[in-house]
PDB file of N, CA and C in Angstrom:
ATOM      1  N   MET A   1     -12.344  -5.782   2.811  1.00  0.00           N
ATOM      2  CA  MET A   1     -13.723  -5.898   2.511  1.00  0.00           C
ATOM      3  C   MET A   1     -14.434  -6.692   3.574  1.00  0.00           C
ATOM      4  N   ALA A   2     -15.590  -6.180   4.152  1.00  0.00           N
ATOM      5  CA  ALA A   2     -16.291  -6.691   5.213  1.00  0.00           C
ATOM      6  C   ALA A   2     -17.197  -7.995   4.510  1.00  0.00           C
ATOM      7  N   LEU A   3     -17.374  -8.939   5.420  1.00  0.00           N
ATOM      8  CA  LEU A   3     -18.177  -9.982   4.981  1.00  0.00           C
ATOM      9  C   LEU A   3     -19.538  -9.946   5.643  1.00  0.00           C
ATOM     10  N   HIS A   4     -20.463 -10.282   4.907  1.00  0.00           N
ATOM     11  CA  HIS A   4     -21.794 -10.404   5.574  1.00  0.00           C
ATOM     12  C   HIS A   4     -21.902 -11.305   6.692  1.00  0.00           C
ATOM     13  N   GLY A   5     -23.021 -11.271   7.425  1.00  0.00           N
ATOM     14  CA  GLY A   5     -23.133 -12.165   8.581  1.00  0.00           C
ATOM     15  C   GLY A   5     -23.089 -13.663   8.361  1.00  0.00           C
ATOM     16  N   GLU A   6     -23.734 -14.060   7.243  1.00  0.00           N
ATOM     17  CA  GLU A   6     -23.784 -15.394   6.915  1.00  0.00           C
ATOM     18  C   GLU A   6     -22.479 -15.758   6.374  1.00  0.00           C
ATOM     19  N   GLU A   7     -21.773 -15.007   5.574  1.00  0.00           N
ATOM     20  CA  GLU A   7     -20.443 -15.261   5.184  1.00  0.00           C
ATOM     21  C   GLU A   7     -19.342 -15.475   6.209  1.00  0.00           C
ATOM     22  N   GLN A   8     -19.660 -14.587   7.168  1.00  0.00           N
ATOM     23  CA  GLN A   8     -18.552 -14.630   8.380  1.00  0.00           C
ATOM     24  C   GLN A   8     -18.814 -15.853   9.168  1.00  0.00           C
ATOM     25  N   ARG A   9     -20.196 -16.185   9.372  1.00  0.00           N
ATOM     26  CA  ARG A   9     -20.397 -17.420  10.110  1.00  0.00           C
ATOM     27  C   ARG A   9     -20.071 -18.563   9.421  1.00  0.00           C
ATOM     28  N   ARG A  10     -19.981 -18.610   8.068  1.00  0.00           N
ATOM     29  CA  ARG A  10     -19.635 -19.912   7.435  1.00  0.00           C
ATOM     30  C   ARG A  10     -18.138 -19.877   7.429  1.00  0.00           C
ATOM     31  N   LEU A  11     -17.339 -18.824   7.400  1.00  0.00           N
ATOM     32  CA  LEU A  11     -15.979 -18.838   7.353  1.00  0.00           C
ATOM     33  C   LEU A  11     -15.512 -19.354   8.659  1.00  0.00           C
ATOM     34  N   SER A  12     -16.187 -18.775   9.819  1.00  0.00           N
ATOM     35  CA  SER A  12     -15.812 -19.147  11.073  1.00  0.00           C
ATOM     36  C   SER A  12     -15.953 -20.709  11.211  1.00  0.00           C
ATOM     37  N   GLU A  13     -17.042 -21.273  10.735  1.00  0.00           N
ATOM     38  CA  GLU A  13     -17.325 -22.618  10.865  1.00  0.00           C
ATOM     39  C   GLU A  13     -16.071 -23.503  10.052  1.00  0.00           C
ATOM     40  N   ILE A  14     -15.748 -23.017   8.970  1.00  0.00           N
ATOM     41  CA  ILE A  14     -14.630 -23.666   8.161  1.00  0.00           C
ATOM     42  C   ILE A  14     -13.318 -23.559   8.979  1.00  0.00           C
ATOM     43  N   GLU A  15     -13.050 -22.443   9.685  1.00  0.00           N
ATOM     44  CA  GLU A  15     -11.847 -22.384  10.497  1.00  0.00           C
ATOM     45  C   GLU A  15     -11.825 -23.402  11.533  1.00  0.00           C
ATOM     46  N   ARG A  16     -13.096 -23.444  12.310  1.00  0.00           N
ATOM     47  CA  ARG A  16     -13.199 -24.438  13.365  1.00  0.00           C
ATOM     48  C   ARG A  16     -12.886 -25.929  12.912  1.00  0.00           C
ATOM     49  N   GLN A  17     -13.535 -26.169  11.805  1.00  0.00           N
ATOM     50  CA  GLN A  17     -13.313 -27.590  11.209  1.00  0.00           C
ATOM     51  C   GLN A  17     -11.973 -27.794  10.862  1.00  0.00           C
ATOM     52  N   LEU A  18     -11.292 -26.927  10.299  1.00  0.00           N
ATOM     53  CA  LEU A  18      -9.908 -27.099   9.904  1.00  0.00           C
ATOM     54  C   LEU A  18      -8.978 -27.236  11.183  1.00  0.00           C
ATOM     55  N   ALA A  19      -9.297 -26.477  12.239  1.00  0.00           N
ATOM     56  CA  ALA A  19      -8.506 -26.571  13.485  1.00  0.00           C
ATOM     57  C   ALA A  19      -8.661 -27.863  14.152  1.00  0.00           C
ATOM     58  N   ALA A  20     -10.018 -28.446  14.008  1.00  0.00           N
ATOM     59  CA  ALA A  20     -10.257 -29.698  14.576  1.00  0.00           C
ATOM     60  C   ALA A  20      -9.575 -30.876  13.794  1.00  0.00           C
ATOM     61  N   GLU A  21      -9.707 -30.808  12.566  1.00  0.00           N
ATOM     62  CA  GLU A  21      -9.124 -31.833  11.666  1.00  0.00           C
ATOM     63  C   GLU A  21      -7.646 -31.875  11.681  1.00  0.00           C
ATOM     64  N   ASN A  22      -7.057 -30.586  11.526  1.00  0.00           N
ATOM     65  CA  ASN A  22      -5.534 -30.412  11.177  1.00  0.00           C
ATOM     66  C   ASN A  22      -4.995 -29.199  11.968  1.00  0.00           C
ATOM     67  N   PRO A  23      -4.699 -29.340  13.354  1.00  0.00           N
ATOM     68  CA  PRO A  23      -4.356 -28.276  14.132  1.00  0.00           C
ATOM     69  C   PRO A  23      -3.210 -27.626  13.599  1.00  0.00           C
ATOM     70  N   ARG A  24      -2.078 -28.474  13.112  1.00  0.00           N
ATOM     71  CA  ARG A  24      -0.716 -28.022  12.716  1.00  0.00           C
ATOM     72  C   ARG A  24      -0.936 -27.083  11.543  1.00  0.00           C
ATOM     73  N   LEU A  25      -1.799 -27.590  10.574  1.00  0.00           N
ATOM     74  CA  LEU A  25      -1.998 -26.637   9.346  1.00  0.00           C
ATOM     75  C   LEU A  25      -2.770 -25.383   9.681  1.00  0.00           C
ATOM     76  N   ALA A  26      -3.711 -25.521  10.539  1.00  0.00           N
ATOM     77  CA  ALA A  26      -4.488 -24.250  11.002  1.00  0.00           C
ATOM     78  C   ALA A  26      -3.398 -23.288  11.656  1.00  0.00           C
ATOM     79  N   GLN A  27      -2.524 -23.767  12.481  1.00  0.00           N
ATOM     80  CA  GLN A  27      -1.488 -23.003  13.056  1.00  0.00           C
ATOM     81  C   GLN A  27      -0.618 -22.297  12.150  1.00  0.00           C
ATOM     82  N   ARG A  28      -0.137 -23.043  11.061  1.00  0.00           N
ATOM     83  CA  ARG A  28       0.769 -22.509  10.034  1.00  0.00           C
ATOM     84  C   ARG A  28      -0.062 -21.480   9.266  1.00  0.00           C
ATOM     85  N   LEU A  29      -1.317 -21.700   8.953  1.00  0.00           N
ATOM     86  CA  LEU A  29      -2.042 -20.611   8.222  1.00  0.00           C
ATOM     87  C   LEU A  29      -2.415 -19.435   8.949  1.00  0.00           C
ATOM     88  N   ALA A  30      -2.487 -19.658  10.274  1.00  0.00           N
ATOM     89  CA  ALA A  30      -2.708 -18.264  11.167  1.00  0.00           C
ATOM     90  C   ALA A  30      -1.395 -17.550  11.162  1.00  0.00           C
ATOM     91  N   GLU A  31      -0.366 -18.191  11.093  1.00  0.00           N
ATOM     92  CA  GLU A  31       0.876 -17.477  11.159  1.00  0.00           C
ATOM     93  C   GLU A  31       1.334 -16.735   9.835  1.00  0.00           C
ATOM     94  N   LEU A  32       0.590 -17.200   8.860  1.00  0.00           N
ATOM     95  CA  LEU A  32       0.878 -16.619   7.471  1.00  0.00           C
ATOM     96  C   LEU A  32      -0.002 -15.343   7.157  1.00  0.00           C
ATOM     97  N   ARG A  33      -0.891 -15.059   8.001  1.00  0.00           N
ATOM     98  CA  ARG A  33      -1.821 -13.931   7.689  1.00  0.00           C
ATOM     99  C   ARG A  33      -0.854 -12.710   7.519  1.00  0.00           C
ATOM    100  N   PRO A  34      -1.183 -11.833   6.595  1.00  0.00           N
ATOM    101  CA  PRO A  34      -0.297 -10.705   6.571  1.00  0.00           C
ATOM    102  C   PRO A  34      -0.733  -9.623   7.570  1.00  0.00           C
ATOM    103  N   MET A  35       0.287  -8.855   7.881  1.00  0.00           N
ATOM    104  CA  MET A  35       0.163  -7.759   8.693  1.00  0.00           C
ATOM    105  C   MET A  35      -0.653  -6.560   7.932  1.00  0.00           C
ATOM    106  N   ARG A  36      -1.757  -6.064   8.675  1.00  0.00           N
ATOM    107  CA  ARG A  36      -2.532  -4.838   8.016  1.00  0.00           C
ATOM    108  C   ARG A  36      -1.758  -3.680   8.342  1.00  0.00           C
ATOM    109  N   VAL A  37      -1.489  -2.771   7.264  1.00  0.00           N
ATOM    110  CA  VAL A  37      -0.917  -1.447   7.398  1.00  0.00           C
ATOM    111  C   VAL A  37      -2.082  -0.583   6.927  1.00  0.00           C
ATOM    112  N   SER A  38      -2.178   0.397   7.831  1.00  0.00           N
ATOM    113  CA  SER A  38      -3.188   1.404   7.514  1.00  0.00           C
ATOM    114  C   SER A  38      -3.089   2.004   6.081  1.00  0.00           C
ATOM    115  N   GLY A  39      -4.219   2.301   5.321  1.00  0.00           N
ATOM    116  CA  GLY A  39      -4.064   2.898   4.061  1.00  0.00           C
ATOM    117  C   GLY A  39      -3.591   4.229   4.159  1.00  0.00           C
ATOM    118  N   ILE A  40      -3.925   4.991   5.136  1.00  0.00           N
ATOM    119  CA  ILE A  40      -3.391   6.335   5.313  1.00  0.00           C
ATOM    120  C   ILE A  40      -1.963   6.338   5.536  1.00  0.00           C
ATOM    121  N   LEU A  41      -1.366   5.487   6.363  1.00  0.00           N
ATOM    122  CA  LEU A  41      -0.015   5.372   6.593  1.00  0.00           C
ATOM    123  C   LEU A  41       0.819   5.100   5.358  1.00  0.00           C
ATOM    124  N   LEU A  42       0.211   4.137   4.492  1.00  0.00           N
ATOM    125  CA  LEU A  42       0.855   3.701   3.247  1.00  0.00           C
ATOM    126  C   LEU A  42       0.890   4.811   2.307  1.00  0.00           C
ATOM    127  N   SER A  43      -0.314   5.504   2.282  1.00  0.00           N
ATOM    128  CA  SER A  43      -0.206   6.735   1.318  1.00  0.00           C
ATOM    129  C   SER A  43       0.606   7.851   1.736  1.00  0.00           C
ATOM    130  N   VAL A  44       0.813   8.105   3.107  1.00  0.00           N
ATOM    131  CA  VAL A  44       1.724   9.169   3.384  1.00  0.00           C
ATOM    132  C   VAL A  44       3.094   8.720   3.110  1.00  0.00           C
ATOM    133  N   LEU A  45       3.407   7.462   3.470  1.00  0.00           N
ATOM    134  CA  LEU A  45       4.723   7.062   2.989  1.00  0.00           C
ATOM    135  C   LEU A  45       5.072   7.110   1.572  1.00  0.00           C
ATOM    136  N   CYS A  46       4.238   6.645   0.813  1.00  0.00           N
ATOM    137  CA  CYS A  46       4.355   6.879  -0.623  1.00  0.00           C
ATOM    138  C   CYS A  46       4.513   8.178  -1.123  1.00  0.00           C
ATOM    139  N   ILE A  47       3.815   9.227  -0.508  1.00  0.00           N
ATOM    140  CA  ILE A  47       3.875  10.521  -1.016  1.00  0.00           C
ATOM    141  C   ILE A  47       5.306  10.943  -0.540  1.00  0.00           C
ATOM    142  N   LEU A  48       5.646  10.771   0.686  1.00  0.00           N
ATOM    143  CA  LEU A  48       7.013  11.238   1.202  1.00  0.00           C
ATOM    144  C   LEU A  48       8.100  10.666   0.485  1.00  0.00           C
ATOM    145  N   GLY A  49       8.057   9.330   0.048  1.00  0.00           N
ATOM    146  CA  GLY A  49       9.047   8.753  -0.786  1.00  0.00           C
ATOM    147  C   GLY A  49       9.132   9.446  -2.227  1.00  0.00           C
ATOM    148  N   SER A  50       7.930   9.561  -2.672  1.00  0.00           N
ATOM    149  CA  SER A  50       7.983  10.301  -4.051  1.00  0.00           C
ATOM    150  C   SER A  50       8.670  11.562  -3.940  1.00  0.00           C
ATOM    151  N   LEU A  51       8.348  12.377  -2.848  1.00  0.00           N
ATOM    152  CA  LEU A  51       8.934  13.861  -2.874  1.00  0.00           C
ATOM    153  C   LEU A  51      10.383  13.619  -2.637  1.00  0.00           C
ATOM    154  N   VAL A  52      10.855  12.758  -1.861  1.00  0.00           N
ATOM    155  CA  VAL A  52      12.416  12.623  -1.520  1.00  0.00           C
ATOM    156  C   VAL A  52      13.113  12.277  -2.834  1.00  0.00           C
ATOM    157  N   ILE A  53      12.533  11.182  -3.546  1.00  0.00           N
ATOM    158  CA  ILE A  53      13.161  10.814  -4.775  1.00  0.00           C
ATOM    159  C   ILE A  53      13.201  11.870  -5.853  1.00  0.00           C
ATOM    160  N   GLY A  54      12.040  12.671  -5.917  1.00  0.00           N
ATOM    161  CA  GLY A  54      11.942  13.739  -6.907  1.00  0.00           C
ATOM    162  C   GLY A  54      12.872  14.806  -6.559  1.00  0.00           C
ATOM    163  N   LEU A  55      13.143  15.144  -5.280  1.00  0.00           N
ATOM    164  CA  LEU A  55      14.066  16.183  -4.936  1.00  0.00           C
ATOM    165  C   LEU A  55      15.519  15.687  -5.287  1.00  0.00           C
ATOM    166  N   PHE A  56      15.743  14.449  -5.064  1.00  0.00           N
ATOM    167  CA  PHE A  56      17.142  14.018  -5.377  1.00  0.00           C
ATOM    168  C   PHE A  56      17.282  14.069  -6.820  1.00  0.00           C
ATOM    169  N   LEU A  57      16.352  13.650  -7.596  1.00  0.00           N
ATOM    170  CA  LEU A  57      16.517  13.804  -9.117  1.00  0.00           C
ATOM    171  C   LEU A  57      16.633  15.230  -9.593  1.00  0.00           C
ATOM    172  N   LEU A  58      15.853  16.231  -8.917  1.00  0.00           N
ATOM    173  CA  LEU A  58      16.027  17.515  -9.384  1.00  0.00           C
ATOM    174  C   LEU A  58      17.378  18.153  -9.009  1.00  0.00           C
ATOM    175  N   VAL A  59      17.961  17.762  -7.911  1.00  0.00           N
ATOM    176  CA  VAL A  59      19.265  18.162  -7.551  1.00  0.00           C
ATOM    177  C   VAL A  59      20.318  17.559  -8.557  1.00  0.00           C
ATOM    178  N   ALA A  60      20.151  16.348  -8.891  1.00  0.00           N
ATOM    179  CA  ALA A  60      21.019  15.706  -9.834  1.00  0.00           C
ATOM    180  C   ALA A  60      20.843  16.353 -11.248  1.00  0.00           C
ATOM    181  N   ALA A  61      19.833  16.736 -11.635  1.00  0.00           N
ATOM    182  CA  ALA A  61      19.383  17.407 -12.825  1.00  0.00           C
ATOM    183  C   ALA A  61      20.150  18.767 -12.830  1.00  0.00           C
ATOM    184  N   ALA A  62      19.955  19.519 -11.783  1.00  0.00           N
ATOM    185  CA  ALA A  62      20.604  20.853 -11.732  1.00  0.00           C
ATOM    186  C   ALA A  62      22.117  20.672 -11.840  1.00  0.00           C
ATOM    187  N   GLN A  63      22.752  19.782 -11.184  1.00  0.00           N
ATOM    188  CA  GLN A  63      24.123  19.497 -11.279  1.00  0.00           C
ATOM    189  C   GLN A  63      24.733  18.959 -12.757  1.00  0.00           C
ATOM    190  N   SER A  64      23.919  18.168 -13.249  1.00  0.00           N
ATOM    191  CA  SER A  64      24.387  17.545 -14.507  1.00  0.00           C
ATOM    192  C   SER A  64      23.739  18.304 -15.694  1.00  0.00           C
ATOM    193  N   GLN A  65      22.880  19.104 -15.410  1.00  0.00           N
ATOM    194  CA  GLN A  65      22.121  20.040 -16.481  1.00  0.00           C
ATOM    195  C   GLN A  65      21.492  19.103 -17.534  1.00  0.00           C
ATOM    196  N   THR A  66      20.780  18.048 -17.009  1.00  0.00           N
ATOM    197  CA  THR A  66      20.076  16.953 -17.869  1.00  0.00           C
ATOM    198  C   THR A  66      18.691  17.214 -17.799  1.00  0.00           C
ATOM    199  N   LEU A  67      18.099  17.367 -19.107  1.00  0.00           N
ATOM    200  CA  LEU A  67      16.635  17.722 -19.220  1.00  0.00           C
ATOM    201  C   LEU A  67      15.885  16.433 -18.710  1.00  0.00           C
ATOM    202  N   VAL A  68      16.238  15.174 -19.122  1.00  0.00           N
ATOM    203  CA  VAL A  68      15.411  14.161 -18.840  1.00  0.00           C
ATOM    204  C   VAL A  68      15.288  13.973 -17.223  1.00  0.00           C
ATOM    205  N   LEU A  69      16.433  14.087 -16.534  1.00  0.00           N
ATOM    206  CA  LEU A  69      16.284  14.118 -14.926  1.00  0.00           C
ATOM    207  C   LEU A  69      15.435  15.192 -14.496  1.00  0.00           C
ATOM    208  N   PHE A  70      15.542  16.310 -15.091  1.00  0.00           N
ATOM    209  CA  PHE A  70      14.595  17.395 -14.629  1.00  0.00           C
ATOM    210  C   PHE A  70      13.189  17.027 -14.740  1.00  0.00           C
ATOM    211  N   VAL A  71      12.799  16.381 -15.930  1.00  0.00           N
ATOM    212  CA  VAL A  71      11.459  16.152 -16.127  1.00  0.00           C
ATOM    213  C   VAL A  71      11.003  15.054 -15.279  1.00  0.00           C
ATOM    214  N   ILE A  72      11.822  13.980 -15.035  1.00  0.00           N
ATOM    215  CA  ILE A  72      11.507  12.878 -14.193  1.00  0.00           C
ATOM    216  C   ILE A  72      11.297  13.335 -12.754  1.00  0.00           C
ATOM    217  N   GLY A  73      12.265  14.207 -12.305  1.00  0.00           N
ATOM    218  CA  GLY A  73      12.291  14.810 -10.932  1.00  0.00           C
ATOM    219  C   GLY A  73      11.027  15.703 -10.715  1.00  0.00           C
ATOM    220  N   THR A  74      10.520  16.354 -11.740  1.00  0.00           N
ATOM    221  CA  THR A  74       9.259  17.075 -11.667  1.00  0.00           C
ATOM    222  C   THR A  74       8.182  16.193 -11.496  1.00  0.00           C
ATOM    223  N   VAL A  75       8.106  15.217 -12.272  1.00  0.00           N
ATOM    224  CA  VAL A  75       7.018  14.322 -12.153  1.00  0.00           C
ATOM    225  C   VAL A  75       6.888  13.504 -10.699  1.00  0.00           C
ATOM    226  N   PHE A  76       8.042  13.299 -10.162  1.00  0.00           N
ATOM    227  CA  PHE A  76       8.093  12.658  -8.912  1.00  0.00           C
ATOM    228  C   PHE A  76       7.722  13.568  -7.796  1.00  0.00           C
ATOM    229  N   THR A  77       8.084  14.810  -7.979  1.00  0.00           N
ATOM    230  CA  THR A  77       7.799  15.930  -6.813  1.00  0.00           C
ATOM    231  C   THR A  77       6.421  16.514  -6.927  1.00  0.00           C
ATOM    232  N   SER A  78       5.877  16.501  -8.167  1.00  0.00           N
ATOM    233  CA  SER A  78       4.521  17.140  -8.276  1.00  0.00           C
ATOM    234  C   SER A  78       3.368  16.261  -8.769  1.00  0.00           C
ATOM    235  N   VAL A  79       3.634  15.515  -9.909  1.00  0.00           N
ATOM    236  CA  VAL A  79       2.565  14.921 -10.545  1.00  0.00           C
ATOM    237  C   VAL A  79       2.212  13.606  -9.623  1.00  0.00           C
ATOM    238  N   LEU A  80       3.117  12.791  -9.177  1.00  0.00           N
ATOM    239  CA  LEU A  80       2.917  11.577  -8.442  1.00  0.00           C
ATOM    240  C   LEU A  80       2.280  11.862  -7.144  1.00  0.00           C
ATOM    241  N   PRO A  81       2.799  12.740  -6.283  1.00  0.00           N
ATOM    242  CA  PRO A  81       2.070  13.114  -5.069  1.00  0.00           C
ATOM    243  C   PRO A  81       0.575  13.472  -5.253  1.00  0.00           C
ATOM    244  N   THR A  82       0.468  14.356  -6.186  1.00  0.00           N
ATOM    245  CA  THR A  82      -0.936  14.825  -6.540  1.00  0.00           C
ATOM    246  C   THR A  82      -1.744  13.650  -6.850  1.00  0.00           C
ATOM    247  N   ALA A  83      -1.388  12.786  -7.747  1.00  0.00           N
ATOM    248  CA  ALA A  83      -2.175  11.669  -8.184  1.00  0.00           C
ATOM    249  C   ALA A  83      -2.492  10.878  -7.059  1.00  0.00           C
ATOM    250  N   LEU A  84      -1.497  10.550  -6.131  1.00  0.00           N
ATOM    251  CA  LEU A  84      -1.822   9.753  -4.987  1.00  0.00           C
ATOM    252  C   LEU A  84      -2.871  10.438  -3.916  1.00  0.00           C
ATOM    253  N   ILE A  85      -2.683  11.649  -3.746  1.00  0.00           N
ATOM    254  CA  ILE A  85      -3.624  12.365  -2.912  1.00  0.00           C
ATOM    255  C   ILE A  85      -5.096  12.266  -3.685  1.00  0.00           C
ATOM    256  N   TRP A  86      -5.039  12.656  -4.922  1.00  0.00           N
ATOM    257  CA  TRP A  86      -6.251  12.540  -5.743  1.00  0.00           C
ATOM    258  C   TRP A  86      -7.075  11.144  -5.528  1.00  0.00           C
ATOM    259  N   ARG A  87      -6.230  10.126  -5.776  1.00  0.00           N
ATOM    260  CA  ARG A  87      -6.750   8.815  -5.729  1.00  0.00           C
ATOM    261  C   ARG A  87      -7.311   8.444  -4.314  1.00  0.00           C
ATOM    262  N   ALA A  88      -6.627   8.894  -3.190  1.00  0.00           N
ATOM    263  CA  ALA A  88      -7.081   8.645  -1.824  1.00  0.00           C
ATOM    264  C   ALA A  88      -8.285   9.413  -1.551  1.00  0.00           C
ATOM    265  N   TRP A  89      -8.419  10.654  -2.057  1.00  0.00           N
ATOM    266  CA  TRP A  89      -9.466  11.424  -1.853  1.00  0.00           C
ATOM    267  C   TRP A  89     -10.707  10.826  -2.555  1.00  0.00           C
ATOM    268  N   LEU A  90     -10.643  10.296  -3.871  1.00  0.00           N
ATOM    269  CA  LEU A  90     -11.676   9.764  -4.558  1.00  0.00           C
ATOM    270  C   LEU A  90     -12.134   8.309  -4.001  1.00  0.00           C
ATOM    271  N   HIS A  91     -11.194   7.745  -3.411  1.00  0.00           N
ATOM    272  CA  HIS A  91     -11.483   6.379  -2.732  1.00  0.00           C
ATOM    273  C   HIS A  91     -12.291   6.630  -1.487  1.00  0.00           C
ATOM    274  N   ARG A  92     -12.271   7.735  -0.783  1.00  0.00           N
ATOM    275  CA  ARG A  92     -12.982   8.029   0.330  1.00  0.00           C
ATOM    276  C   ARG A  92     -14.346   8.287  -0.047  1.00  0.00           C
ATOM    277  N   LEU A  93     -14.652   8.806  -1.274  1.00  0.00           N
ATOM    278  CA  LEU A  93     -16.030   9.127  -1.588  1.00  0.00           C
ATOM    279  C   LEU A  93     -16.717   7.988  -1.939  1.00  0.00           C
TER     280      LEU A  93
END
């Protein structure tokens, strides 16, 4: 979420004050910032993971002839990727 000009200016001022008062703490906080992963990359990885898990479950269901595994595998291979794509598409609107 982007900050407005005044908010960004105030945040920068707080960061400068912290660095001046306690440089060690400022350094530790800077190191704790999470790495940003692209939303598209994360969505693609989730969809691919869902497909792989779903296909694995479908193969297991075919070998063991278990209806529950078949249903869960179908959800993972069709419903979950569709929901993730739908969510990503709606988020862009």
